[in-house]
């Protein structure tokens, strides 16, 4: 029996990377890096951190697989395919990404499966928990919509739900639903209607990327489950001049709703002013800093039950932009010893690496 805890990563842009860069996540990371060496991909996003083999090595049993595209005003290059001009284009791109996940499940059932219900999760975890170190298993994919402009009308929520989407984040940058990253603002009337309709299906609301004022209102009016899949603590990033991090009052709101905050091991979100573009070495941001953010959430909560991992690995950054102890996603297991050195028990560490997310999925999936 493998003694490492199961790991849940609450944010990975798998389909985006497959469609944008042709990444094949069934290849070992070393192969992906060799194939992309010297290409524009490395300049744009960095070396890959994830692959199916690394999921096995790191006991990554579940990933929140995203549907994501950028509005054209924020695309990073003229050649970017996953960018939309209007809601119809967003709908088409997100639908295509969802098709990718269904094809992965259909064509590689030994490697990937969509988890859309409590029963799916139960059977999936039974398989992982009965494994030996040399057994491989499918990775469970929980579908997360990041930025909701693919939802042209709330009447489409039923279709997205039937196709397996279980979490929705209304914002990436600002959207017609609410203020977001780089484009602050309140909830809109459309946003309030969206939340009301989402609650009917018990979608999990992801506050990541929402502007603070919009998130405060969402905490007040949304009746369903609430989380922050991938966001760090604003209190530990003073003078960072961004609304991307979670203020304490939003973390408190998520904790009060018995949600989880997924911490992002991205150096720019861990050290104010750190930038790959400015040539800053990754050694400037040790993995210990990730534990600082985890501990901050635990101190607010008064327990270890409301924080987890939302790596965002390969989400616009790669190997060059993560703490030096990390070569691939499997190295997130190194957080266990760092947490224990801070006085967290083995059970606490197991909760933080994956147990907290699994508990919420077990509660919130249909």
Protein backbone atom coordinates (compact mmCIF):
# COMPACT_ATOMS: atom_id res chain seq x y z
CA UNK A 1 0.00 0.00 0.00
CA UNK A 2 1.32 3.44 -0.94
CA UNK A 3 1.59 5.57 2.21
CA UNK A 4 1.58 8.97 0.46
CA UNK A 5 -1.75 10.80 0.86
CA UNK A 6 -4.05 11.20 -2.11
CA UNK A 7 -3.55 14.58 -3.73
CA UNK A 8 -6.30 16.71 -5.27
CA UNK A 9 -5.35 19.59 -7.56
CA UNK A 10 -8.26 21.99 -7.84
CA UNK A 11 -7.16 23.83 -10.97
CA UNK A 12 -5.48 22.62 -14.17
CA UNK A 13 -6.03 24.01 -17.69
CA UNK A 14 -5.68 20.64 -19.43
CA UNK A 15 -7.92 21.16 -22.47
CA UNK A 16 -6.62 24.70 -23.01
CA UNK A 17 -3.04 23.42 -23.25
CA UNK A 18 -3.95 20.48 -25.45
CA UNK A 19 -5.75 22.74 -27.92
CA UNK A 20 -3.39 25.74 -27.72
CA UNK A 21 -0.04 23.94 -27.77
CA UNK A 22 -0.79 20.37 -28.80
CA UNK A 23 0.45 19.06 -25.46
CA UNK A 24 -0.11 15.33 -25.02
CA UNK A 25 -0.41 14.70 -21.30
CA UNK A 26 -0.16 10.93 -21.78
CA UNK A 27 3.55 11.48 -22.59
CA UNK A 28 6.06 11.71 -19.73
CA UNK A 29 6.95 15.27 -18.74
CA UNK A 30 10.51 14.70 -20.00
CA UNK A 31 9.15 13.92 -23.49
CA UNK A 32 6.84 16.94 -23.51
CA UNK A 33 9.75 19.19 -22.52
CA UNK A 34 12.06 17.67 -25.17
CA UNK A 35 9.43 18.11 -27.90
CA UNK A 36 8.82 21.76 -26.95
CA UNK A 37 12.44 22.77 -26.28
CA UNK A 38 13.30 26.07 -27.91
CA UNK A 39 9.75 26.66 -29.16
CA UNK A 40 7.46 29.65 -28.68
CA UNK A 41 5.53 27.52 -26.18
CA UNK A 42 8.34 27.75 -23.62
CA UNK A 43 8.58 31.50 -24.08
CA UNK A 44 4.81 31.89 -23.65
CA UNK A 45 4.05 29.47 -20.85
CA UNK A 46 7.18 27.61 -19.68
CA UNK A 47 8.07 23.93 -19.41
CA UNK A 48 5.27 21.48 -18.61
CA UNK A 49 4.75 20.44 -14.99
CA UNK A 50 2.01 17.83 -15.40
CA UNK A 51 1.49 14.47 -17.09
CA UNK A 52 -0.41 11.27 -16.44
CA UNK A 53 2.78 9.54 -15.27
CA UNK A 54 3.44 12.32 -12.76
CA UNK A 55 -0.13 12.06 -11.48
CA UNK A 56 0.56 8.42 -10.72
CA UNK A 57 3.90 9.15 -9.06
CA UNK A 58 2.43 11.94 -6.95
CA UNK A 59 -0.82 10.08 -6.10
CA UNK A 60 -2.81 12.86 -7.82
CA UNK A 61 -6.17 11.11 -7.80
CA UNK A 62 -8.41 14.04 -8.78
CA UNK A 63 -7.92 17.22 -10.81
CA UNK A 64 -10.37 20.03 -11.42
CA UNK A 65 -10.11 20.23 -15.21
CA UNK A 66 -10.99 23.65 -16.51
CA UNK A 67 -12.92 25.11 -19.38
CA UNK A 68 -11.11 28.36 -20.09
CA UNK A 69 -10.65 30.88 -22.88
CA UNK A 70 -9.65 34.53 -22.75
CA UNK A 71 -11.54 37.46 -24.22
CA UNK A 72 -9.54 38.74 -27.21
CA UNK A 73 -8.60 41.93 -25.36
CA UNK A 74 -6.46 39.76 -23.04
CA UNK A 75 -5.03 37.20 -25.43
CA UNK A 76 -1.27 36.84 -25.19
CA UNK A 77 -0.53 36.49 -28.91
CA UNK A 78 -2.19 37.02 -32.27
CA UNK A 79 -2.02 33.27 -32.91
CA UNK A 80 -3.88 32.31 -29.73
CA UNK A 81 -6.77 30.03 -30.70
CA UNK A 82 -8.55 29.92 -27.33
CA UNK A 83 -9.80 33.51 -27.33
CA UNK A 84 -13.29 34.86 -27.99
CA UNK A 85 -14.77 38.07 -29.35
CA UNK A 86 -18.35 37.48 -28.13
CA UNK A 87 -20.49 35.13 -26.07
CA UNK A 88 -21.25 32.83 -29.02
CA UNK A 89 -17.52 32.33 -29.60
CA UNK A 90 -16.97 31.70 -25.88
CA UNK A 91 -19.76 29.12 -25.92
CA UNK A 92 -18.19 27.36 -28.90
CA UNK A 93 -14.67 27.29 -27.39
CA UNK A 94 -15.84 26.04 -23.99
CA UNK A 95 -18.03 23.38 -25.60
CA UNK A 96 -15.07 22.20 -27.66
CA UNK A 97 -12.91 21.94 -24.52
CA UNK A 98 -15.62 19.94 -22.79
CA UNK A 99 -15.66 17.62 -25.82
CA UNK A 100 -11.93 17.09 -25.22
CA UNK A 101 -12.55 15.82 -21.69
CA UNK A 102 -15.30 13.49 -22.85
CA UNK A 103 -13.02 12.14 -25.58
CA UNK A 104 -10.24 11.59 -23.05
CA UNK A 105 -12.63 9.55 -20.93
CA UNK A 106 -14.00 7.61 -23.89
CA UNK A 107 -10.68 6.85 -25.57
CA UNK A 108 -8.49 6.39 -22.46
CA UNK A 109 -10.74 5.01 -19.69
CA UNK A 110 -7.66 3.52 -18.02
CA UNK A 111 -6.13 7.00 -17.71
CA UNK A 112 -8.93 9.57 -17.28
CA UNK A 113 -12.51 9.62 -16.05
CA UNK A 114 -14.99 12.41 -15.44
CA UNK A 115 -16.37 12.53 -11.89
CA UNK A 116 -19.89 13.96 -11.99
CA UNK A 117 -21.56 12.34 -8.97
CA UNK A 118 -20.93 11.12 -5.44
CA UNK A 119 -21.13 7.57 -6.77
CA UNK A 120 -18.46 8.30 -9.40
CA UNK A 121 -16.21 9.69 -6.68
CA UNK A 122 -16.82 6.77 -4.32
CA UNK A 123 -15.95 4.14 -6.92
CA UNK A 124 -12.93 6.17 -8.05
CA UNK A 125 -11.51 6.51 -4.53
CA UNK A 126 -12.11 2.83 -3.77
CA UNK A 127 -9.81 2.06 -6.69
CA UNK A 128 -7.10 4.49 -5.60
CA UNK A 129 -7.23 3.49 -1.93
CA UNK A 130 -6.78 -0.20 -2.72
CA UNK A 131 -3.69 0.40 -4.84
CA UNK A 132 -0.15 -0.80 -4.41
CA UNK A 133 2.82 1.43 -5.29
CA UNK A 134 3.15 -0.13 -8.75
CA UNK A 135 -0.57 0.06 -9.66
CA UNK A 136 -1.79 2.76 -12.01
CA UNK A 137 -5.27 4.26 -12.01
CA UNK A 138 -7.39 6.68 -14.00
CA UNK A 139 -7.19 10.29 -12.84
CA UNK A 140 -10.59 11.72 -11.91
CA UNK A 141 -11.58 14.95 -13.63
CA UNK A 142 -14.08 17.34 -12.03
CA UNK A 143 -15.10 19.90 -14.64
CA UNK A 144 -14.69 23.56 -13.68
CA UNK A 145 -15.82 26.46 -15.86
CA UNK A 146 -13.47 29.42 -15.35
CA UNK A 147 -15.12 32.61 -16.56
CA UNK A 148 -18.81 32.19 -17.33
CA UNK A 149 -19.26 34.07 -20.59
CA UNK A 150 -19.78 30.74 -22.37
CA UNK A 151 -23.17 30.73 -20.63
CA UNK A 152 -25.11 32.89 -23.08
CA UNK A 153 -28.35 32.53 -21.15
CA UNK A 154 -29.12 30.94 -17.78
CA UNK A 155 -31.37 28.46 -19.63
CA UNK A 156 -28.12 26.81 -20.83
CA UNK A 157 -27.07 25.83 -17.30
CA UNK A 158 -29.04 22.59 -17.55
CA UNK A 159 -27.03 21.56 -20.63
CA UNK A 160 -23.69 22.35 -18.97
CA UNK A 161 -24.76 20.41 -15.87
CA UNK A 162 -25.88 17.40 -17.91
CA UNK A 163 -22.51 17.38 -19.67
CA UNK A 164 -20.64 17.20 -16.37
CA UNK A 165 -19.73 20.76 -15.36
CA UNK A 166 -19.84 20.96 -11.56
CA UNK A 167 -18.10 24.24 -10.63
CA UNK A 168 -18.49 27.68 -12.17
CA UNK A 169 -16.33 30.75 -11.59
CA UNK A 170 -18.18 33.79 -12.98
CA UNK A 171 -14.97 35.77 -13.52
CA UNK A 172 -11.52 35.54 -15.02
CA UNK A 173 -11.04 39.18 -15.89
CA UNK A 174 -14.19 41.27 -15.65
CA UNK A 175 -17.19 39.63 -17.31
CA UNK A 176 -20.76 40.66 -17.94
CA UNK A 177 -21.55 38.86 -14.66
CA UNK A 178 -19.14 40.61 -12.29
CA UNK A 179 -15.90 42.45 -11.78
CA UNK A 180 -12.78 40.31 -11.97
CA UNK A 181 -9.01 40.20 -12.09
CA UNK A 182 -7.54 43.41 -13.60
CA UNK A 183 -11.08 44.71 -14.23
CA UNK A 184 -12.66 45.38 -10.82
CA UNK A 185 -16.35 45.87 -10.31
CA UNK A 186 -19.52 44.73 -8.59
CA UNK A 187 -21.93 41.91 -9.38
CA UNK A 188 -24.22 42.84 -12.28
CA UNK A 189 -27.92 42.09 -12.64
CA UNK A 190 -26.95 39.31 -15.07
CA UNK A 191 -24.56 38.00 -12.44
CA UNK A 192 -27.26 37.87 -9.78
CA UNK A 193 -29.55 36.00 -12.18
CA UNK A 194 -26.72 33.58 -12.95
CA UNK A 195 -26.11 32.83 -9.25
CA UNK A 196 -29.81 32.31 -8.63
CA UNK A 197 -30.04 29.85 -11.51
CA UNK A 198 -26.77 28.10 -10.52
CA UNK A 199 -28.20 27.45 -7.06
CA UNK A 200 -31.09 25.51 -8.60
CA UNK A 201 -28.56 22.98 -9.89
CA UNK A 202 -26.32 23.22 -6.80
CA UNK A 203 -23.30 24.22 -8.89
CA UNK A 204 -20.25 24.92 -6.73
CA UNK A 205 -19.42 28.64 -6.97
CA UNK A 206 -15.72 29.44 -7.41
CA UNK A 207 -14.79 32.91 -6.14
CA UNK A 208 -11.29 32.80 -7.68
CA UNK A 209 -10.65 35.80 -9.94
CA UNK A 210 -13.76 37.64 -8.69
CA UNK A 211 -13.17 41.20 -7.55
CA UNK A 212 -13.50 41.57 -3.77
CA UNK A 213 -16.73 43.60 -3.94
CA UNK A 214 -18.36 41.05 -6.23
CA UNK A 215 -17.17 38.17 -4.04
CA UNK A 216 -18.61 39.83 -0.90
CA UNK A 217 -22.02 40.05 -2.54
CA UNK A 218 -21.78 36.49 -3.88
CA UNK A 219 -21.06 35.19 -0.38
CA UNK A 220 -24.16 37.02 0.80
CA UNK A 221 -26.62 35.93 -1.89
CA UNK A 222 -25.49 32.52 -3.17
CA UNK A 223 -27.33 29.60 -1.58
CA UNK A 224 -25.11 26.82 -2.92
CA UNK A 225 -21.60 25.65 -1.99
CA UNK A 226 -18.73 28.16 -2.30
CA UNK A 227 -14.97 27.64 -2.72
CA UNK A 228 -11.88 29.42 -4.03
CA UNK A 229 -10.17 26.85 -6.23
CA UNK A 230 -6.92 28.71 -6.89
CA UNK A 231 -6.07 31.88 -4.99
CA UNK A 232 -3.51 33.02 -2.42
CA UNK A 233 -3.75 35.25 0.63
CA UNK A 234 -3.74 39.01 0.05
CA UNK A 235 -2.54 39.59 3.61
CA UNK A 236 0.78 37.90 2.75
CA UNK A 237 1.17 39.90 -0.48
CA UNK A 238 1.10 43.54 0.70
CA UNK A 239 1.55 46.22 -1.96
CA UNK A 240 1.18 43.71 -4.79
CA UNK A 241 -1.22 46.08 -6.59
CA UNK A 242 -3.52 43.33 -7.80
CA UNK A 243 -7.02 42.16 -6.92
CA UNK A 244 -6.06 38.56 -7.73
CA UNK A 245 -5.44 37.49 -4.11
CA UNK A 246 -8.10 36.79 -1.47
CA UNK A 247 -8.51 39.35 1.32
CA UNK A 248 -9.04 37.87 4.78
CA UNK A 249 -12.74 38.76 4.77
CA UNK A 250 -13.28 36.63 1.66
CA UNK A 251 -11.31 33.73 3.17
CA UNK A 252 -13.44 34.11 6.33
CA UNK A 253 -16.57 33.99 4.18
CA UNK A 254 -15.44 30.81 2.42
CA UNK A 255 -14.61 29.21 5.78
CA UNK A 256 -17.99 30.23 7.22
CA UNK A 257 -19.61 28.49 4.25
CA UNK A 258 -17.43 25.41 4.97
CA UNK A 259 -15.58 25.83 1.69
CA UNK A 260 -11.93 25.33 0.75
CA UNK A 261 -9.25 27.68 -0.60
CA UNK A 262 -6.75 26.14 -3.05
CA UNK A 263 -3.27 27.67 -2.76
CA UNK A 264 -1.32 28.35 -5.97
CA UNK A 265 2.44 27.46 -6.01
CA UNK A 266 3.22 30.22 -8.54
CA UNK A 267 6.13 32.45 -7.57
CA UNK A 268 4.45 35.65 -8.79
CA UNK A 269 1.60 34.90 -6.36
CA UNK A 270 4.02 34.05 -3.53
CA UNK A 271 6.56 36.90 -3.58
CA UNK A 272 5.62 40.49 -4.37
CA UNK A 273 7.45 41.69 -7.47
CA UNK A 274 8.74 38.27 -8.57
CA UNK A 275 8.71 37.94 -12.35
CA UNK A 276 10.12 35.40 -14.76
CA UNK A 277 10.20 38.18 -17.37
CA UNK A 278 12.55 40.19 -15.16
CA UNK A 279 14.89 37.23 -14.81
CA UNK A 280 14.20 36.58 -11.15
CA UNK A 281 15.50 33.13 -10.09
CA UNK A 282 12.95 30.60 -8.91
CA UNK A 283 15.27 29.92 -5.95
CA UNK A 284 14.05 33.23 -4.48
CA UNK A 285 10.75 31.54 -3.57
CA UNK A 286 11.15 28.29 -1.60
CA UNK A 287 8.26 25.85 -1.27
CA UNK A 288 8.04 26.89 2.39
CA UNK A 289 6.26 30.07 1.21
CA UNK A 290 3.35 27.94 -0.06
CA UNK A 291 3.01 26.60 3.49
CA UNK A 292 2.85 30.20 4.77
CA UNK A 293 -0.30 30.74 2.71
CA UNK A 294 -1.78 27.40 3.77
CA UNK A 295 -1.05 28.21 7.40
CA UNK A 296 -2.64 31.66 7.06
CA UNK A 297 -5.93 30.08 5.96
CA UNK A 298 -5.68 27.56 8.81
CA UNK A 299 -5.12 30.35 11.34
CA UNK A 300 -8.21 32.16 10.07
CA UNK A 301 -10.26 28.95 10.14
CA UNK A 302 -8.94 27.68 13.45
CA UNK A 303 -8.43 24.25 11.86
CA UNK A 304 -6.80 22.51 8.89
CA UNK A 305 -10.06 21.69 7.11
CA UNK A 306 -10.46 24.65 4.76
CA UNK A 307 -7.30 24.79 2.65
CA UNK A 308 -5.96 22.70 -0.19
CA UNK A 309 -4.04 22.92 -3.45
CA UNK A 310 -5.13 24.62 -6.67
CA UNK A 311 -1.84 24.57 -8.54
CA UNK A 312 -2.90 26.18 -11.84
CA UNK A 313 0.15 24.30 -13.22
CA UNK A 314 0.62 24.87 -16.95
CA UNK A 315 -1.91 27.70 -16.64
CA UNK A 316 0.20 30.39 -18.28
CA UNK A 317 3.32 29.43 -16.33
CA UNK A 318 5.54 26.38 -16.00
CA UNK A 319 8.70 25.00 -14.43
CA UNK A 320 10.54 28.34 -14.63
CA UNK A 321 7.98 30.02 -12.34
CA UNK A 322 7.48 27.62 -9.42
CA UNK A 323 9.46 26.99 -6.22
CA UNK A 324 12.81 25.23 -6.82
CA UNK A 325 11.77 22.07 -4.96
CA UNK A 326 9.15 21.39 -7.66
CA UNK A 327 10.10 19.66 -10.89
CA UNK A 328 6.62 18.25 -11.60
CA UNK A 329 3.20 18.11 -9.95
CA UNK A 330 4.32 14.95 -8.10
CA UNK A 331 6.67 17.07 -5.99
CA UNK A 332 3.71 18.72 -4.27
CA UNK A 333 3.95 15.69 -1.96
CA UNK A 334 6.97 17.50 -0.44
CA UNK A 335 4.47 19.78 1.28
CA UNK A 336 3.73 16.98 3.77
CA UNK A 337 7.11 17.20 5.53
CA UNK A 338 7.03 21.01 5.46
CA UNK A 339 3.58 21.05 7.06
CA UNK A 340 4.66 18.54 9.70
CA UNK A 341 7.71 20.68 10.49
CA UNK A 342 5.20 23.47 11.32
CA UNK A 343 3.39 21.22 13.80
CA UNK A 344 0.67 19.89 11.52
CA UNK A 345 -0.16 16.25 12.07
CA UNK A 346 -0.01 13.54 9.42
CA UNK A 347 -3.82 13.69 9.25
CA UNK A 348 -3.75 17.49 8.86
CA UNK A 349 -1.28 17.20 5.99
CA UNK A 350 -3.37 14.52 4.29
CA UNK A 351 -6.44 16.77 4.57
CA UNK A 352 -4.59 19.72 3.08
CA UNK A 353 -3.12 17.75 0.18
CA UNK A 354 -6.44 16.26 -0.84
CA UNK A 355 -8.79 15.25 1.94
CA UNK A 356 -10.46 18.64 2.29
CA UNK A 357 -11.34 18.82 -1.40
CA UNK A 358 -12.55 15.21 -1.36
CA UNK A 359 -14.81 15.95 1.63
CA UNK A 360 -16.41 18.90 -0.19
CA UNK A 361 -16.86 16.91 -3.40
CA UNK A 362 -18.45 14.09 -1.42
CA UNK A 363 -20.84 16.61 0.10
CA UNK A 364 -21.53 18.76 -2.96
CA UNK A 365 -21.58 16.44 -5.98
CA UNK A 366 -25.06 15.18 -6.92
